[in-house]
Amino acid sequence: MILLDTHLFVWLYHGERKRIPSAVQRRLNREQLGLSPFVQLELAYLYEVGRVRGPAQAVIEELGARLELVVADVAATAVCSVAMGLTWTYDPFDRLLAAHATVTNLPLVTSDETIRQHLQLAWWAD
């Protein structure tokens, strides 16, 4: 299983596959895709501020059916404990998602350079 950063869900929902390199698309097609609960929370926030066209639940339901998503549940206590030490970012969602990947030892697919510089589990193909 691999975790996807929030922007990938947004791009896929908005039909912006061209933003995703072909090597990343191939990996998305061959591996089980994990949805972090923290991505769900960030999607709700992005909808509230007008950066996503659909409510979080609609995004997840549509993509879940198309991509066979699995919610990658994790203990919040463990994630928060790790996230407190991730001082390389002030973005709470990045901290939580990076911590989720760390706690579960799952790869995180992200185009975010800062995350990739600090999280060994982060992956992207440029």
N, C-alpha and C. Protein backbone atom coordinates (compact mmCIF):
# COMPACT_ATOMS: atom_id res chain seq x y z
N MET A 1 0.84 -1.18 0.00
CA MET A 1 0.00 0.00 0.00
C MET A 1 0.88 1.24 0.00
N ILE A 2 0.41 2.28 -0.70
CA ILE A 2 1.08 3.57 -0.70
C ILE A 2 0.07 4.64 -0.28
N LEU A 3 0.57 5.64 0.40
CA LEU A 3 -0.26 6.78 0.77
C LEU A 3 -0.10 7.86 -0.30
N LEU A 4 -1.16 8.61 -0.54
CA LEU A 4 -1.12 9.71 -1.49
C LEU A 4 -1.28 11.03 -0.76
N ASP A 5 -0.46 12.01 -1.14
CA ASP A 5 -0.60 13.34 -0.59
C ASP A 5 -1.91 13.94 -1.11
N THR A 6 -2.43 14.89 -0.39
CA THR A 6 -3.72 15.49 -0.70
C THR A 6 -3.80 16.06 -2.11
N HIS A 7 -2.72 16.70 -2.56
CA HIS A 7 -2.79 17.33 -3.89
C HIS A 7 -3.04 16.31 -4.99
N LEU A 8 -2.62 15.07 -4.81
CA LEU A 8 -2.89 14.04 -5.81
C LEU A 8 -4.39 13.75 -5.89
N PHE A 9 -5.06 13.70 -4.76
CA PHE A 9 -6.51 13.48 -4.76
C PHE A 9 -7.21 14.65 -5.44
N VAL A 10 -6.75 15.87 -5.17
CA VAL A 10 -7.35 17.05 -5.79
C VAL A 10 -7.15 17.00 -7.31
N TRP A 11 -5.94 16.71 -7.74
CA TRP A 11 -5.67 16.64 -9.18
C TRP A 11 -6.51 15.56 -9.85
N LEU A 12 -6.59 14.40 -9.23
CA LEU A 12 -7.37 13.32 -9.81
C LEU A 12 -8.85 13.67 -9.86
N TYR A 13 -9.36 14.29 -8.82
CA TYR A 13 -10.78 14.68 -8.76
C TYR A 13 -11.09 15.73 -9.82
N HIS A 14 -10.19 16.67 -10.01
CA HIS A 14 -10.40 17.75 -10.98
C HIS A 14 -10.00 17.35 -12.40
N GLY A 15 -9.60 16.09 -12.59
CA GLY A 15 -9.24 15.60 -13.93
C GLY A 15 -7.94 16.16 -14.45
N GLU A 16 -7.00 16.44 -13.55
CA GLU A 16 -5.72 17.03 -13.93
C GLU A 16 -4.59 15.99 -13.93
N ARG A 17 -4.84 14.87 -14.57
CA ARG A 17 -3.85 13.78 -14.62
C ARG A 17 -2.55 14.20 -15.29
N LYS A 18 -2.61 15.19 -16.18
CA LYS A 18 -1.41 15.64 -16.88
C LYS A 18 -0.37 16.22 -15.91
N ARG A 19 -0.79 16.58 -14.72
CA ARG A 19 0.14 17.10 -13.72
C ARG A 19 0.94 15.99 -13.04
N ILE A 20 0.53 14.75 -13.28
CA ILE A 20 1.15 13.61 -12.63
C ILE A 20 2.06 12.91 -13.64
N PRO A 21 3.36 12.84 -13.36
CA PRO A 21 4.29 12.19 -14.29
C PRO A 21 3.87 10.74 -14.59
N SER A 22 4.23 10.27 -15.77
CA SER A 22 3.82 8.93 -16.18
C SER A 22 4.33 7.84 -15.23
N ALA A 23 5.53 8.01 -14.69
CA ALA A 23 6.06 7.01 -13.74
C ALA A 23 5.21 6.96 -12.48
N VAL A 24 4.72 8.09 -12.03
CA VAL A 24 3.85 8.13 -10.85
C VAL A 24 2.51 7.48 -11.20
N GLN A 25 1.98 7.79 -12.38
CA GLN A 25 0.71 7.19 -12.78
C GLN A 25 0.81 5.67 -12.86
N ARG A 26 1.93 5.18 -13.37
CA ARG A 26 2.12 3.71 -13.43
C ARG A 26 2.10 3.12 -12.02
N ARG A 27 2.76 3.79 -11.09
CA ARG A 27 2.77 3.27 -9.71
C ARG A 27 1.37 3.31 -9.10
N LEU A 28 0.64 4.36 -9.38
CA LEU A 28 -0.73 4.46 -8.87
C LEU A 28 -1.60 3.34 -9.43
N ASN A 29 -1.32 2.93 -10.66
CA ASN A 29 -2.11 1.88 -11.30
C ASN A 29 -1.77 0.48 -10.80
N ARG A 30 -0.60 0.29 -10.24
CA ARG A 30 -0.22 -1.08 -9.86
C ARG A 30 -0.22 -1.33 -8.35
N GLU A 31 -0.33 -0.31 -7.53
CA GLU A 31 -0.29 -0.51 -6.08
C GLU A 31 -1.62 -0.15 -5.42
N GLN A 32 -1.85 -0.75 -4.26
CA GLN A 32 -3.03 -0.41 -3.47
C GLN A 32 -2.87 1.03 -2.97
N LEU A 33 -3.89 1.85 -3.16
CA LEU A 33 -3.83 3.26 -2.78
C LEU A 33 -4.47 3.46 -1.42
N GLY A 34 -3.69 4.05 -0.52
CA GLY A 34 -4.17 4.30 0.83
C GLY A 34 -4.59 5.75 1.01
N LEU A 35 -5.71 5.93 1.65
CA LEU A 35 -6.24 7.25 1.97
C LEU A 35 -6.06 7.49 3.46
N SER A 36 -5.24 8.46 3.79
CA SER A 36 -5.04 8.81 5.19
C SER A 36 -6.24 9.61 5.70
N PRO A 37 -6.69 9.35 6.93
CA PRO A 37 -7.76 10.18 7.51
C PRO A 37 -7.37 11.66 7.55
N PHE A 38 -6.07 11.94 7.59
CA PHE A 38 -5.62 13.32 7.64
C PHE A 38 -5.79 14.00 6.28
N VAL A 39 -5.74 13.21 5.21
CA VAL A 39 -6.06 13.73 3.88
C VAL A 39 -7.55 14.06 3.82
N GLN A 40 -8.38 13.20 4.39
CA GLN A 40 -9.82 13.48 4.44
C GLN A 40 -10.07 14.82 5.11
N LEU A 41 -9.41 15.06 6.23
CA LEU A 41 -9.58 16.31 6.96
C LEU A 41 -9.11 17.50 6.12
N GLU A 42 -7.96 17.35 5.45
CA GLU A 42 -7.46 18.45 4.63
C GLU A 42 -8.38 18.71 3.44
N LEU A 43 -8.95 17.68 2.84
CA LEU A 43 -9.90 17.87 1.75
C LEU A 43 -11.11 18.68 2.21
N ALA A 44 -11.59 18.41 3.42
CA ALA A 44 -12.71 19.18 3.97
C ALA A 44 -12.32 20.64 4.12
N TYR A 45 -11.13 20.88 4.63
CA TYR A 45 -10.63 22.25 4.78
C TYR A 45 -10.53 22.93 3.41
N LEU A 46 -9.96 22.26 2.43
CA LEU A 46 -9.79 22.84 1.09
C LEU A 46 -11.13 23.17 0.44
N TYR A 47 -12.14 22.36 0.70
CA TYR A 47 -13.47 22.66 0.19
C TYR A 47 -14.02 23.92 0.87
N GLU A 48 -13.84 24.00 2.17
CA GLU A 48 -14.33 25.15 2.92
C GLU A 48 -13.72 26.47 2.45
N VAL A 49 -12.45 26.44 2.02
CA VAL A 49 -11.79 27.67 1.57
C VAL A 49 -11.86 27.84 0.04
N GLY A 50 -12.59 26.95 -0.64
CA GLY A 50 -12.83 27.10 -2.06
C GLY A 50 -11.76 26.58 -2.99
N ARG A 51 -10.88 25.73 -2.52
CA ARG A 51 -9.81 25.21 -3.38
C ARG A 51 -10.13 23.85 -3.98
N VAL A 52 -11.20 23.23 -3.53
CA VAL A 52 -11.69 21.97 -4.10
C VAL A 52 -13.16 22.17 -4.42
N ARG A 53 -13.60 21.67 -5.58
CA ARG A 53 -14.96 21.93 -6.05
C ARG A 53 -16.03 21.08 -5.36
N GLY A 54 -15.63 20.01 -4.70
CA GLY A 54 -16.63 19.16 -4.07
C GLY A 54 -16.33 18.94 -2.60
N PRO A 55 -17.36 18.67 -1.81
CA PRO A 55 -17.13 18.34 -0.39
C PRO A 55 -16.24 17.11 -0.25
N ALA A 56 -15.52 17.03 0.83
CA ALA A 56 -14.56 15.93 1.04
C ALA A 56 -15.20 14.57 0.82
N GLN A 57 -16.38 14.36 1.36
CA GLN A 57 -17.01 13.05 1.24
C GLN A 57 -17.32 12.72 -0.21
N ALA A 58 -17.74 13.71 -1.00
CA ALA A 58 -18.03 13.47 -2.42
C ALA A 58 -16.75 13.13 -3.18
N VAL A 59 -15.67 13.85 -2.87
CA VAL A 59 -14.38 13.58 -3.51
C VAL A 59 -13.95 12.15 -3.21
N ILE A 60 -14.02 11.78 -1.95
CA ILE A 60 -13.58 10.46 -1.53
C ILE A 60 -14.45 9.36 -2.12
N GLU A 61 -15.76 9.57 -2.14
CA GLU A 61 -16.65 8.55 -2.71
C GLU A 61 -16.39 8.37 -4.20
N GLU A 62 -16.24 9.48 -4.94
CA GLU A 62 -15.99 9.36 -6.37
C GLU A 62 -14.66 8.68 -6.66
N LEU A 63 -13.60 9.16 -5.99
CA LEU A 63 -12.28 8.58 -6.23
C LEU A 63 -12.18 7.18 -5.66
N GLY A 64 -12.83 6.95 -4.55
CA GLY A 64 -12.81 5.62 -3.94
C GLY A 64 -13.34 4.56 -4.87
N ALA A 65 -14.42 4.89 -5.57
CA ALA A 65 -15.01 3.94 -6.51
C ALA A 65 -14.11 3.73 -7.73
N ARG A 66 -13.52 4.80 -8.22
CA ARG A 66 -12.66 4.71 -9.42
C ARG A 66 -11.32 4.06 -9.13
N LEU A 67 -10.74 4.37 -7.97
CA LEU A 67 -9.36 3.97 -7.68
C LEU A 67 -9.24 2.83 -6.67
N GLU A 68 -10.35 2.34 -6.17
CA GLU A 68 -10.33 1.28 -5.16
C GLU A 68 -9.48 1.67 -3.95
N LEU A 69 -9.78 2.83 -3.40
CA LEU A 69 -9.05 3.33 -2.24
C LEU A 69 -9.35 2.52 -1.00
N VAL A 70 -8.35 2.44 -0.14
CA VAL A 70 -8.51 1.83 1.18
C VAL A 70 -8.13 2.89 2.20
N VAL A 71 -8.99 3.09 3.19
CA VAL A 71 -8.64 4.03 4.25
C VAL A 71 -7.53 3.39 5.08
N ALA A 72 -6.42 4.07 5.16
CA ALA A 72 -5.26 3.58 5.91
C ALA A 72 -5.34 4.14 7.32
N ASP A 73 -6.14 3.50 8.13
CA ASP A 73 -6.35 4.00 9.49
C ASP A 73 -5.10 3.80 10.32
N VAL A 74 -4.94 4.68 11.29
CA VAL A 74 -3.74 4.67 12.13
C VAL A 74 -4.10 5.30 13.46
N ALA A 75 -3.38 4.92 14.51
CA ALA A 75 -3.64 5.47 15.84
C ALA A 75 -3.22 6.95 15.89
N ALA A 76 -4.17 7.81 16.20
CA ALA A 76 -3.90 9.25 16.24
C ALA A 76 -2.82 9.60 17.26
N THR A 77 -2.78 8.91 18.36
CA THR A 77 -1.79 9.19 19.40
C THR A 77 -0.38 8.99 18.86
N ALA A 78 -0.16 7.90 18.16
CA ALA A 78 1.16 7.62 17.60
C ALA A 78 1.53 8.66 16.55
N VAL A 79 0.58 9.01 15.69
CA VAL A 79 0.85 9.99 14.64
C VAL A 79 1.17 11.35 15.25
N CYS A 80 0.38 11.78 16.20
CA CYS A 80 0.62 13.09 16.83
C CYS A 80 1.96 13.13 17.56
N SER A 81 2.32 12.02 18.17
CA SER A 81 3.61 11.95 18.87
C SER A 81 4.77 12.17 17.89
N VAL A 82 4.70 11.52 16.73
CA VAL A 82 5.74 11.68 15.71
C VAL A 82 5.67 13.08 15.09
N ALA A 83 4.45 13.54 14.81
CA ALA A 83 4.25 14.84 14.14
C ALA A 83 4.84 15.99 14.95
N MET A 84 4.81 15.88 16.26
CA MET A 84 5.38 16.96 17.10
C MET A 84 6.86 17.17 16.84
N GLY A 85 7.54 16.15 16.41
CA GLY A 85 8.98 16.27 16.15
C GLY A 85 9.33 16.69 14.73
N LEU A 86 8.33 16.83 13.88
CA LEU A 86 8.59 17.20 12.48
C LEU A 86 8.60 18.72 12.34
N THR A 87 9.65 19.31 12.84
CA THR A 87 9.73 20.77 12.88
C THR A 87 10.20 21.38 11.56
N TRP A 88 10.39 20.59 10.53
CA TRP A 88 10.81 21.10 9.24
C TRP A 88 9.65 21.71 8.46
N THR A 89 8.44 21.59 8.96
CA THR A 89 7.28 22.23 8.33
C THR A 89 6.35 22.78 9.38
N TYR A 90 5.70 23.87 9.02
CA TYR A 90 4.69 24.45 9.90
C TYR A 90 3.28 24.14 9.41
N ASP A 91 3.18 23.37 8.32
CA ASP A 91 1.88 22.97 7.79
C ASP A 91 1.40 21.76 8.60
N PRO A 92 0.31 21.92 9.35
CA PRO A 92 -0.14 20.80 10.20
C PRO A 92 -0.53 19.56 9.40
N PHE A 93 -1.07 19.74 8.21
CA PHE A 93 -1.46 18.58 7.40
C PHE A 93 -0.24 17.84 6.90
N ASP A 94 0.79 18.57 6.49
CA ASP A 94 2.04 17.91 6.07
C ASP A 94 2.66 17.13 7.23
N ARG A 95 2.63 17.73 8.40
CA ARG A 95 3.17 17.03 9.58
C ARG A 95 2.41 15.73 9.84
N LEU A 96 1.09 15.81 9.83
CA LEU A 96 0.29 14.64 10.12
C LEU A 96 0.46 13.55 9.07
N LEU A 97 0.49 13.94 7.81
CA LEU A 97 0.64 12.94 6.76
C LEU A 97 2.03 12.31 6.76
N ALA A 98 3.05 13.11 6.96
CA ALA A 98 4.41 12.57 7.06
C ALA A 98 4.54 11.65 8.27
N ALA A 99 3.92 12.03 9.37
CA ALA A 99 3.95 11.19 10.56
C ALA A 99 3.19 9.89 10.33
N HIS A 100 2.07 9.97 9.62
CA HIS A 100 1.30 8.77 9.30
C HIS A 100 2.17 7.80 8.50
N ALA A 101 2.86 8.32 7.48
CA ALA A 101 3.75 7.46 6.69
C ALA A 101 4.84 6.85 7.57
N THR A 102 5.38 7.64 8.47
CA THR A 102 6.45 7.16 9.34
C THR A 102 5.96 6.07 10.29
N VAL A 103 4.83 6.29 10.92
CA VAL A 103 4.29 5.32 11.89
C VAL A 103 3.96 4.00 11.22
N THR A 104 3.41 4.06 10.01
CA THR A 104 2.98 2.85 9.32
C THR A 104 4.05 2.29 8.37
N ASN A 105 5.14 3.04 8.19
CA ASN A 105 6.22 2.68 7.28
C ASN A 105 5.71 2.45 5.85
N LEU A 106 4.81 3.36 5.44
CA LEU A 106 4.25 3.30 4.09
C LEU A 106 4.83 4.41 3.23
N PRO A 107 5.12 4.15 1.97
CA PRO A 107 5.59 5.21 1.08
C PRO A 107 4.51 6.29 0.93
N LEU A 108 4.96 7.52 0.81
CA LEU A 108 4.06 8.65 0.58
C LEU A 108 4.38 9.24 -0.78
N VAL A 109 3.42 9.20 -1.69
CA VAL A 109 3.60 9.76 -3.02
C VAL A 109 3.23 11.23 -2.95
N THR A 110 4.21 12.10 -3.26
CA THR A 110 4.00 13.54 -3.15
C THR A 110 4.93 14.29 -4.09
N SER A 111 4.43 15.38 -4.63
CA SER A 111 5.28 16.26 -5.44
C SER A 111 5.92 17.34 -4.58
N ASP A 112 5.56 17.39 -3.31
CA ASP A 112 6.05 18.41 -2.39
C ASP A 112 7.55 18.21 -2.12
N GLU A 113 8.35 19.15 -2.59
CA GLU A 113 9.81 19.03 -2.44
C GLU A 113 10.26 19.05 -0.99
N THR A 114 9.63 19.86 -0.16
CA THR A 114 10.02 19.94 1.24
C THR A 114 9.82 18.60 1.92
N ILE A 115 8.67 18.00 1.68
CA ILE A 115 8.42 16.68 2.27
C ILE A 115 9.45 15.68 1.76
N ARG A 116 9.71 15.69 0.47
CA ARG A 116 10.67 14.73 -0.11
C ARG A 116 12.08 14.94 0.43
N GLN A 117 12.44 16.15 0.76
CA GLN A 117 13.78 16.41 1.31
C GLN A 117 13.92 15.89 2.73
N HIS A 118 12.82 15.79 3.47
CA HIS A 118 12.90 15.44 4.88
C HIS A 118 12.33 14.07 5.25
N LEU A 119 11.61 13.45 4.34
CA LEU A 119 10.96 12.18 4.63
C LEU A 119 11.47 11.12 3.67
N GLN A 120 12.23 10.18 4.18
CA GLN A 120 12.79 9.13 3.32
C GLN A 120 11.73 8.29 2.64
N LEU A 121 10.56 8.19 3.22
CA LEU A 121 9.48 7.40 2.64
C LEU A 121 8.76 8.12 1.51
N ALA A 122 9.06 9.39 1.29
CA ALA A 122 8.38 10.16 0.24
C ALA A 122 8.96 9.83 -1.12
N TRP A 123 8.09 9.81 -2.14
CA TRP A 123 8.51 9.43 -3.48
C TRP A 123 7.78 10.25 -4.52
N TRP A 124 8.51 10.57 -5.59
CA TRP A 124 7.96 11.24 -6.77
C TRP A 124 8.91 11.01 -7.91
N ALA A 125 8.40 10.95 -9.11
CA ALA A 125 9.25 10.78 -10.29
C ALA A 125 9.17 12.06 -11.10
N ASP A 126 10.27 12.76 -11.19
CA ASP A 126 10.28 14.04 -11.94
C ASP A 126 10.49 13.80 -13.42
